[in-house]
């Protein structure tokens, strides 16, 4: 289920997305594209609230485009839904946002790739303090390697970035 930037994921390829549903966090309701409205339940342990369309989905003409579930669609709403929706809308429509994203994504992805390379996808120790120290040392080593590749040299008692000149 891959999506391109700015698109909501689809439960069914070519089908409906979460953007096709109308969520009213003030009233605590979700309305599906077929016009069925359900009330959001109490917050779960993670803060999400759910609207369960289950029985309404059985006879719905949009069922095949909406969900693969035999029991019907369950719609999850994040506690910060309105803020996240506004950010997604801005990402999809703002040329300035898209330019910034294109500018900064490659170096950030590269830095993350360097950080997790060579078996470092998981932290090696038990405990927050030991893993925090490990992460800082790993980042420092990667930064030092990058600076050396850019030409960091020591001349006398001074460090220089660029070609060495004596």
N, C-alpha and C. Protein backbone atom coordinates (compact mmCIF):
# COMPACT_ATOMS: atom_id res chain seq x y z
N UNK A 1 0.82 -1.17 0.00
CA UNK A 1 0.00 0.00 0.00
C UNK A 1 0.87 1.25 0.00
N UNK A 2 1.57 1.54 -1.08
CA UNK A 2 2.40 2.73 -1.11
C UNK A 2 1.58 3.91 -1.61
N UNK A 3 1.92 5.07 -1.09
CA UNK A 3 1.24 6.29 -1.51
C UNK A 3 2.30 7.31 -1.86
N UNK A 4 1.92 8.26 -2.68
CA UNK A 4 2.83 9.36 -2.96
C UNK A 4 2.58 10.46 -1.96
N UNK A 5 3.48 11.43 -1.95
CA UNK A 5 3.39 12.51 -0.98
C UNK A 5 2.05 13.22 -1.09
N UNK A 6 1.40 13.45 0.06
CA UNK A 6 0.16 14.21 0.09
C UNK A 6 -1.10 13.39 -0.10
N UNK A 7 -0.98 12.11 -0.42
CA UNK A 7 -2.16 11.28 -0.62
C UNK A 7 -2.42 10.43 0.62
N UNK A 8 -3.69 10.25 0.92
CA UNK A 8 -4.06 9.39 2.05
C UNK A 8 -4.01 7.94 1.61
N UNK A 9 -3.65 7.03 2.53
CA UNK A 9 -3.60 5.61 2.16
C UNK A 9 -5.00 5.06 1.87
N UNK A 10 -5.04 4.06 1.00
CA UNK A 10 -6.30 3.43 0.61
C UNK A 10 -6.36 2.02 1.16
N UNK A 11 -7.49 1.65 1.75
CA UNK A 11 -7.68 0.28 2.22
C UNK A 11 -7.84 -0.67 1.04
N UNK A 12 -8.43 -0.17 -0.03
CA UNK A 12 -8.65 -0.93 -1.25
C UNK A 12 -7.96 -0.15 -2.38
N UNK A 13 -7.06 -0.78 -3.15
CA UNK A 13 -6.39 -0.06 -4.24
C UNK A 13 -7.41 0.58 -5.19
N UNK A 14 -7.23 1.88 -5.42
CA UNK A 14 -8.16 2.62 -6.28
C UNK A 14 -9.46 2.97 -5.59
N UNK A 15 -9.56 2.69 -4.31
CA UNK A 15 -10.82 2.93 -3.58
C UNK A 15 -10.82 4.22 -2.80
N UNK A 16 -11.65 4.25 -1.78
CA UNK A 16 -11.83 5.44 -0.97
C UNK A 16 -10.68 5.61 0.02
N UNK A 17 -10.38 6.86 0.36
CA UNK A 17 -9.35 7.15 1.34
C UNK A 17 -10.00 7.80 2.56
N UNK A 18 -9.20 8.04 3.58
CA UNK A 18 -9.72 8.71 4.77
C UNK A 18 -10.16 10.13 4.46
N UNK A 19 -9.58 10.72 3.42
CA UNK A 19 -9.97 12.08 3.03
C UNK A 19 -11.39 12.13 2.45
N UNK A 20 -11.93 10.98 2.05
CA UNK A 20 -13.29 10.93 1.52
C UNK A 20 -14.34 10.95 2.63
N UNK A 21 -13.92 10.77 3.88
CA UNK A 21 -14.82 10.80 5.03
C UNK A 21 -14.82 12.20 5.62
N UNK A 22 -15.94 12.61 6.18
CA UNK A 22 -16.02 13.91 6.85
C UNK A 22 -15.97 13.67 8.36
N UNK A 23 -14.94 14.26 8.98
CA UNK A 23 -14.76 14.11 10.42
C UNK A 23 -15.06 15.44 11.08
N UNK A 24 -15.97 15.42 12.03
CA UNK A 24 -16.29 16.61 12.83
C UNK A 24 -15.89 16.32 14.26
N UNK A 25 -14.69 16.78 14.63
CA UNK A 25 -14.18 16.48 15.98
C UNK A 25 -14.96 17.23 17.05
N UNK A 26 -15.54 18.37 16.71
CA UNK A 26 -16.32 19.13 17.69
C UNK A 26 -17.59 18.36 18.07
N UNK A 27 -18.28 17.86 17.06
CA UNK A 27 -19.50 17.10 17.31
C UNK A 27 -19.20 15.64 17.66
N UNK A 28 -17.98 15.19 17.37
CA UNK A 28 -17.61 13.80 17.65
C UNK A 28 -18.25 12.81 16.70
N UNK A 29 -18.29 13.18 15.40
CA UNK A 29 -18.92 12.29 14.42
C UNK A 29 -18.03 12.11 13.20
N UNK A 30 -18.27 11.00 12.49
CA UNK A 30 -17.62 10.72 11.21
C UNK A 30 -18.72 10.34 10.23
N UNK A 31 -18.69 10.96 9.04
CA UNK A 31 -19.67 10.65 8.00
C UNK A 31 -18.95 10.03 6.82
N UNK A 32 -19.41 8.87 6.40
CA UNK A 32 -18.78 8.16 5.28
C UNK A 32 -19.28 8.75 3.96
N UNK A 33 -18.62 8.41 2.84
CA UNK A 33 -19.03 8.95 1.54
C UNK A 33 -20.45 8.57 1.13
N UNK A 34 -20.99 7.48 1.70
CA UNK A 34 -22.36 7.08 1.39
C UNK A 34 -23.38 7.85 2.22
N UNK A 35 -22.91 8.70 3.13
CA UNK A 35 -23.81 9.53 3.93
C UNK A 35 -24.15 8.98 5.30
N UNK A 36 -23.57 7.85 5.69
CA UNK A 36 -23.82 7.28 7.01
C UNK A 36 -22.97 8.00 8.05
N UNK A 37 -23.59 8.39 9.16
CA UNK A 37 -22.87 9.10 10.23
C UNK A 37 -22.82 8.24 11.48
N UNK A 38 -21.62 8.15 12.06
CA UNK A 38 -21.45 7.40 13.30
C UNK A 38 -20.75 8.31 14.31
N UNK A 39 -21.06 8.07 15.59
CA UNK A 39 -20.46 8.82 16.68
C UNK A 39 -19.12 8.20 17.06
N UNK A 40 -18.16 9.07 17.38
CA UNK A 40 -16.86 8.59 17.84
C UNK A 40 -17.00 8.05 19.26
N UNK A 41 -16.33 6.93 19.50
CA UNK A 41 -16.37 6.32 20.83
C UNK A 41 -15.44 7.03 21.80
N UNK A 42 -15.37 6.48 23.01
CA UNK A 42 -14.45 7.04 24.02
C UNK A 42 -13.01 6.86 23.57
N UNK A 43 -12.11 7.70 24.06
CA UNK A 43 -10.70 7.56 23.70
C UNK A 43 -10.14 6.21 24.16
N UNK A 44 -9.34 5.60 23.29
CA UNK A 44 -8.65 4.35 23.62
C UNK A 44 -7.39 4.69 24.40
N UNK A 45 -6.61 3.68 24.76
CA UNK A 45 -5.39 3.89 25.55
C UNK A 45 -4.41 4.82 24.85
N UNK A 46 -4.34 4.77 23.50
CA UNK A 46 -3.42 5.63 22.76
C UNK A 46 -4.02 7.00 22.45
N UNK A 47 -5.23 7.28 22.91
CA UNK A 47 -5.88 8.57 22.69
C UNK A 47 -6.76 8.60 21.46
N UNK A 48 -6.63 7.61 20.56
CA UNK A 48 -7.48 7.57 19.37
C UNK A 48 -8.92 7.28 19.74
N UNK A 49 -9.82 7.76 18.89
CA UNK A 49 -11.25 7.45 19.02
C UNK A 49 -11.68 6.74 17.74
N UNK A 50 -12.68 5.87 17.85
CA UNK A 50 -13.12 5.10 16.70
C UNK A 50 -14.60 5.34 16.39
N UNK A 51 -14.87 5.32 15.09
CA UNK A 51 -16.25 5.27 14.61
C UNK A 51 -16.39 3.94 13.88
N UNK A 52 -17.32 3.11 14.31
CA UNK A 52 -17.48 1.78 13.73
C UNK A 52 -18.74 1.72 12.89
N UNK A 53 -18.54 1.57 11.57
CA UNK A 53 -19.64 1.55 10.63
C UNK A 53 -20.18 0.15 10.38
N UNK A 54 -19.61 -0.83 11.03
CA UNK A 54 -19.81 -2.26 10.81
C UNK A 54 -21.12 -2.67 10.14
N UNK A 55 -22.25 -2.59 10.81
CA UNK A 55 -23.51 -3.08 10.26
C UNK A 55 -23.96 -2.26 9.05
N UNK A 56 -23.63 -0.97 9.04
CA UNK A 56 -24.02 -0.11 7.92
C UNK A 56 -23.30 -0.48 6.63
N UNK A 57 -22.14 -1.10 6.74
CA UNK A 57 -21.34 -1.44 5.56
C UNK A 57 -21.90 -2.63 4.77
N UNK A 58 -22.65 -3.50 5.43
CA UNK A 58 -23.12 -4.72 4.76
C UNK A 58 -23.93 -4.43 3.51
N UNK A 59 -24.84 -3.48 3.57
CA UNK A 59 -25.71 -3.19 2.44
C UNK A 59 -25.26 -1.95 1.66
N UNK A 60 -24.11 -1.42 1.99
CA UNK A 60 -23.64 -0.18 1.36
C UNK A 60 -23.13 -0.45 -0.05
N UNK A 61 -23.51 0.37 -1.03
CA UNK A 61 -23.04 0.18 -2.40
C UNK A 61 -21.54 0.51 -2.56
N UNK A 62 -20.96 1.24 -1.62
CA UNK A 62 -19.55 1.61 -1.69
C UNK A 62 -18.64 0.64 -0.93
N UNK A 63 -19.21 -0.42 -0.35
CA UNK A 63 -18.45 -1.36 0.48
C UNK A 63 -17.20 -1.88 -0.22
N UNK A 64 -17.31 -2.29 -1.47
CA UNK A 64 -16.19 -2.88 -2.20
C UNK A 64 -15.06 -1.87 -2.42
N UNK A 65 -15.40 -0.57 -2.50
CA UNK A 65 -14.39 0.47 -2.69
C UNK A 65 -13.86 1.01 -1.37
N UNK A 66 -14.51 0.67 -0.27
CA UNK A 66 -14.20 1.27 1.03
C UNK A 66 -13.31 0.39 1.90
N UNK A 67 -13.62 -0.89 2.01
CA UNK A 67 -12.90 -1.75 2.94
C UNK A 67 -12.88 -3.19 2.46
N UNK A 68 -11.89 -3.93 2.93
CA UNK A 68 -11.82 -5.37 2.65
C UNK A 68 -12.39 -6.17 3.81
N UNK A 69 -12.66 -5.51 4.90
CA UNK A 69 -13.15 -6.18 6.10
C UNK A 69 -14.56 -6.73 5.88
N UNK A 70 -14.77 -7.97 6.29
CA UNK A 70 -16.10 -8.58 6.17
C UNK A 70 -17.07 -8.00 7.19
N UNK A 71 -16.53 -7.49 8.30
CA UNK A 71 -17.39 -6.95 9.35
C UNK A 71 -17.66 -5.47 9.19
N UNK A 72 -17.01 -4.79 8.23
CA UNK A 72 -17.27 -3.38 7.99
C UNK A 72 -16.12 -2.49 8.40
N UNK A 73 -16.24 -1.23 8.07
CA UNK A 73 -15.17 -0.24 8.26
C UNK A 73 -15.13 0.27 9.69
N UNK A 74 -13.92 0.39 10.21
CA UNK A 74 -13.68 1.06 11.49
C UNK A 74 -12.77 2.23 11.19
N UNK A 75 -13.19 3.42 11.57
CA UNK A 75 -12.45 4.64 11.26
C UNK A 75 -11.81 5.17 12.53
N UNK A 76 -10.47 5.29 12.54
CA UNK A 76 -9.74 5.80 13.70
C UNK A 76 -9.47 7.29 13.55
N UNK A 77 -9.66 8.03 14.64
CA UNK A 77 -9.42 9.47 14.64
C UNK A 77 -8.39 9.79 15.72
N UNK A 78 -7.27 10.37 15.30
CA UNK A 78 -6.18 10.74 16.20
C UNK A 78 -6.62 11.91 17.09
N UNK A 79 -6.08 12.01 18.32
CA UNK A 79 -6.46 13.11 19.20
C UNK A 79 -6.15 14.49 18.60
N UNK A 80 -5.13 14.58 17.75
CA UNK A 80 -4.77 15.84 17.10
C UNK A 80 -5.20 15.84 15.63
N UNK A 81 -6.34 15.24 15.32
CA UNK A 81 -6.79 15.06 13.94
C UNK A 81 -6.84 16.38 13.17
N UNK A 82 -7.43 17.42 13.74
CA UNK A 82 -7.60 18.69 13.02
C UNK A 82 -6.24 19.29 12.65
N UNK A 83 -5.30 19.26 13.57
CA UNK A 83 -3.97 19.79 13.32
C UNK A 83 -3.26 18.98 12.23
N UNK A 84 -3.35 17.66 12.31
CA UNK A 84 -2.72 16.80 11.31
C UNK A 84 -3.35 16.96 9.93
N UNK A 85 -4.66 17.11 9.89
CA UNK A 85 -5.37 17.30 8.62
C UNK A 85 -4.94 18.61 7.98
N UNK A 86 -4.83 19.68 8.77
CA UNK A 86 -4.39 20.97 8.24
C UNK A 86 -2.97 20.87 7.69
N UNK A 87 -2.09 20.15 8.38
CA UNK A 87 -0.72 19.98 7.91
C UNK A 87 -0.68 19.17 6.62
N UNK A 88 -1.49 18.10 6.52
CA UNK A 88 -1.55 17.31 5.29
C UNK A 88 -2.06 18.15 4.13
N UNK A 89 -3.09 18.96 4.38
CA UNK A 89 -3.64 19.82 3.34
C UNK A 89 -2.60 20.83 2.87
N UNK A 90 -1.86 21.42 3.81
CA UNK A 90 -0.81 22.37 3.45
C UNK A 90 0.28 21.68 2.63
N UNK A 91 0.67 20.48 3.03
CA UNK A 91 1.70 19.74 2.30
C UNK A 91 1.26 19.44 0.87
N UNK A 92 -0.02 19.19 0.68
CA UNK A 92 -0.52 18.84 -0.64
C UNK A 92 -0.73 20.04 -1.54
N UNK A 93 -0.94 21.23 -0.96
CA UNK A 93 -1.32 22.38 -1.78
C UNK A 93 -0.32 23.52 -1.80
N UNK A 94 0.60 23.58 -0.86
CA UNK A 94 1.52 24.72 -0.77
C UNK A 94 2.81 24.47 -1.55
N UNK A 95 3.07 25.24 -2.61
CA UNK A 95 4.32 25.08 -3.36
C UNK A 95 5.56 25.36 -2.50
N UNK A 96 5.45 26.31 -1.56
CA UNK A 96 6.58 26.61 -0.68
C UNK A 96 6.92 25.40 0.19
N UNK A 97 5.89 24.75 0.74
CA UNK A 97 6.11 23.57 1.58
C UNK A 97 6.76 22.47 0.76
N UNK A 98 6.27 22.25 -0.45
CA UNK A 98 6.80 21.20 -1.30
C UNK A 98 8.25 21.48 -1.69
N UNK A 99 8.60 22.75 -1.94
CA UNK A 99 9.98 23.11 -2.24
C UNK A 99 10.89 22.81 -1.05
N UNK A 100 10.46 23.18 0.15
CA UNK A 100 11.23 22.90 1.36
C UNK A 100 11.40 21.39 1.56
N UNK A 101 10.34 20.66 1.33
CA UNK A 101 10.37 19.21 1.49
C UNK A 101 11.38 18.60 0.52
N UNK A 102 11.33 19.01 -0.75
CA UNK A 102 12.28 18.50 -1.74
C UNK A 102 13.71 18.88 -1.40
N UNK A 103 13.89 20.04 -0.80
CA UNK A 103 15.23 20.51 -0.45
C UNK A 103 15.82 19.71 0.70
N UNK A 104 15.02 19.42 1.73
CA UNK A 104 15.57 18.84 2.94
C UNK A 104 15.40 17.33 3.06
N UNK A 105 14.52 16.71 2.31
CA UNK A 105 14.33 15.27 2.46
C UNK A 105 15.58 14.46 2.13
N UNK A 106 16.25 14.70 0.99
CA UNK A 106 17.42 13.86 0.68
C UNK A 106 18.52 13.87 1.76
N UNK A 107 18.95 15.05 2.27
CA UNK A 107 19.99 14.98 3.29
C UNK A 107 19.53 14.33 4.59
N UNK A 108 18.28 14.51 4.95
CA UNK A 108 17.77 13.88 6.17
C UNK A 108 17.71 12.36 5.99
N UNK A 109 17.20 11.91 4.85
CA UNK A 109 17.16 10.47 4.57
C UNK A 109 18.57 9.87 4.57
N UNK A 110 19.54 10.60 4.00
CA UNK A 110 20.91 10.12 3.96
C UNK A 110 21.49 10.01 5.37
N UNK A 111 21.24 11.02 6.20
CA UNK A 111 21.74 10.99 7.58
C UNK A 111 21.15 9.81 8.35
N UNK A 112 19.87 9.56 8.16
CA UNK A 112 19.24 8.42 8.84
C UNK A 112 19.83 7.11 8.32
N UNK A 113 20.07 7.02 7.01
CA UNK A 113 20.67 5.81 6.44
C UNK A 113 22.05 5.57 7.03
N UNK A 114 22.84 6.62 7.18
CA UNK A 114 24.17 6.47 7.79
C UNK A 114 24.05 6.01 9.23
N UNK A 115 23.08 6.57 9.95
CA UNK A 115 22.91 6.25 11.36
C UNK A 115 22.56 4.78 11.58
N UNK A 116 21.73 4.21 10.72
CA UNK A 116 21.25 2.84 10.93
C UNK A 116 22.06 1.80 10.15
N UNK A 117 23.11 2.23 9.42
CA UNK A 117 23.90 1.30 8.63
C UNK A 117 24.69 0.34 9.51
N UNK A 118 25.07 -0.78 8.92
CA UNK A 118 25.92 -1.78 9.56
C UNK A 118 25.36 -2.33 10.87
N UNK A 119 24.11 -2.73 10.84
CA UNK A 119 23.52 -3.39 12.00
C UNK A 119 23.10 -2.47 13.12
N UNK A 120 22.91 -1.19 12.85
CA UNK A 120 22.54 -0.25 13.90
C UNK A 120 21.08 0.18 13.82
N UNK A 121 20.22 -0.71 13.36
CA UNK A 121 18.80 -0.38 13.29
C UNK A 121 18.14 -0.41 14.66
N UNK A 122 18.73 -1.12 15.59
CA UNK A 122 18.19 -1.21 16.95
C UNK A 122 19.25 -0.78 17.94
N UNK A 123 18.80 -0.26 19.05
CA UNK A 123 19.75 0.15 20.08
C UNK A 123 20.34 -1.11 20.73
N UNK A 124 21.64 -1.06 21.10
CA UNK A 124 22.30 -2.28 21.56
C UNK A 124 22.19 -2.57 23.05
N UNK A 125 21.77 -1.62 23.84
CA UNK A 125 21.81 -1.81 25.29
C UNK A 125 20.42 -1.79 25.91
N UNK A 126 20.34 -2.25 27.14
CA UNK A 126 19.13 -2.12 27.93
C UNK A 126 19.28 -0.84 28.76
N UNK A 127 18.28 -0.03 28.73
CA UNK A 127 18.34 1.20 29.52
C UNK A 127 18.48 2.45 28.67
N UNK A 128 17.83 3.49 29.09
CA UNK A 128 17.80 4.74 28.35
C UNK A 128 19.16 5.43 28.37
N UNK A 129 19.81 5.48 29.50
CA UNK A 129 21.07 6.22 29.63
C UNK A 129 22.15 5.62 28.73
N UNK A 130 22.32 4.30 28.80
CA UNK A 130 23.35 3.65 27.98
C UNK A 130 23.08 3.84 26.50
N UNK A 131 21.82 3.72 26.07
CA UNK A 131 21.49 3.90 24.66
C UNK A 131 21.63 5.35 24.23
N UNK A 132 21.34 6.29 25.11
CA UNK A 132 21.52 7.70 24.80
C UNK A 132 23.01 8.01 24.57
N UNK A 133 23.87 7.47 25.43
CA UNK A 133 25.32 7.64 25.26
C UNK A 133 25.77 7.01 23.94
N UNK A 134 25.31 5.79 23.66
CA UNK A 134 25.66 5.11 22.41
C UNK A 134 25.24 5.93 21.20
N UNK A 135 24.01 6.45 21.21
CA UNK A 135 23.51 7.23 20.08
C UNK A 135 24.34 8.50 19.87
N UNK A 136 24.68 9.19 20.95
CA UNK A 136 25.49 10.40 20.82
C UNK A 136 26.89 10.08 20.29
N UNK A 137 27.49 8.99 20.74
CA UNK A 137 28.80 8.59 20.24
C UNK A 137 28.72 8.20 18.76
N UNK A 138 27.67 7.49 18.39
CA UNK A 138 27.50 7.10 16.98
C UNK A 138 27.35 8.33 16.10
N UNK A 139 26.52 9.29 16.53
CA UNK A 139 26.33 10.52 15.75
C UNK A 139 27.63 11.31 15.66
N UNK A 140 28.37 11.39 16.75
CA UNK A 140 29.65 12.11 16.74
C UNK A 140 30.64 11.44 15.79
N UNK A 141 30.71 10.12 15.79
CA UNK A 141 31.62 9.40 14.90
C UNK A 141 31.23 9.62 13.44
N UNK A 142 29.95 9.60 13.14
CA UNK A 142 29.49 9.84 11.77
C UNK A 142 29.80 11.27 11.34
N UNK A 143 29.61 12.23 12.25
CA UNK A 143 29.93 13.62 11.92
C UNK A 143 31.42 13.79 11.67
N UNK A 144 32.25 13.16 12.50
CA UNK A 144 33.70 13.25 12.32
C UNK A 144 34.11 12.62 10.99
N UNK A 145 33.53 11.46 10.66
CA UNK A 145 33.83 10.81 9.38
C UNK A 145 33.47 11.73 8.22
N UNK A 146 32.32 12.38 8.33
CA UNK A 146 31.87 13.30 7.28
C UNK A 146 32.83 14.48 7.15
N UNK A 147 33.26 15.04 8.26
CA UNK A 147 34.20 16.17 8.22
C UNK A 147 35.55 15.76 7.62
N UNK A 148 36.03 14.57 7.94
CA UNK A 148 37.28 14.09 7.36
C UNK A 148 37.13 13.92 5.85
N UNK A 149 35.99 13.40 5.41
CA UNK A 149 35.73 13.25 3.98
C UNK A 149 35.65 14.60 3.27
N UNK A 150 35.26 15.63 4.00
CA UNK A 150 35.20 16.98 3.43
C UNK A 150 36.55 17.70 3.49
N UNK A 151 37.55 17.06 4.11
CA UNK A 151 38.88 17.63 4.12
C UNK A 151 39.35 18.19 5.45
N UNK A 152 38.82 17.71 6.55
CA UNK A 152 39.27 18.18 7.86
C UNK A 152 40.70 17.71 8.11
N UNK A 153 41.57 18.67 8.40
CA UNK A 153 42.97 18.34 8.69
C UNK A 153 43.43 19.17 9.87
N UNK A 154 44.53 18.69 10.49
CA UNK A 154 45.10 19.43 11.61
C UNK A 154 46.48 19.92 11.20
N UNK A 155 46.65 21.20 11.27
CA UNK A 155 47.93 21.81 10.96
C UNK A 155 48.40 22.53 12.21
N UNK A 156 49.53 22.10 12.71
CA UNK A 156 50.07 22.61 13.98
C UNK A 156 49.05 22.31 15.08
N UNK A 157 48.50 23.35 15.70
CA UNK A 157 47.53 23.15 16.77
C UNK A 157 46.13 23.60 16.36
N UNK A 158 45.88 23.69 15.04
CA UNK A 158 44.62 24.21 14.54
C UNK A 158 43.99 23.23 13.56
N UNK A 159 42.69 23.08 13.64
CA UNK A 159 41.95 22.25 12.69
C UNK A 159 41.47 23.12 11.54
N UNK A 160 41.54 22.58 10.31
CA UNK A 160 41.10 23.29 9.10
C UNK A 160 40.19 22.40 8.29
N UNK A 161 39.19 23.02 7.67
CA UNK A 161 38.29 22.29 6.79
C UNK A 161 38.61 22.72 5.37
N UNK A 162 39.02 21.78 4.56
CA UNK A 162 39.40 22.07 3.18
C UNK A 162 40.76 21.51 2.90
N UNK A 163 41.33 21.85 1.76
CA UNK A 163 42.65 21.30 1.41
C UNK A 163 43.71 21.75 2.41
N UNK A 164 44.62 20.83 2.72
CA UNK A 164 45.67 21.13 3.69
C UNK A 164 46.72 22.04 3.07
N UNK A 165 47.05 23.11 3.78
CA UNK A 165 48.11 24.02 3.34
C UNK A 165 49.04 24.24 4.52
N UNK A 166 50.31 23.99 4.29
CA UNK A 166 51.27 24.11 5.41
C UNK A 166 52.01 25.40 5.39
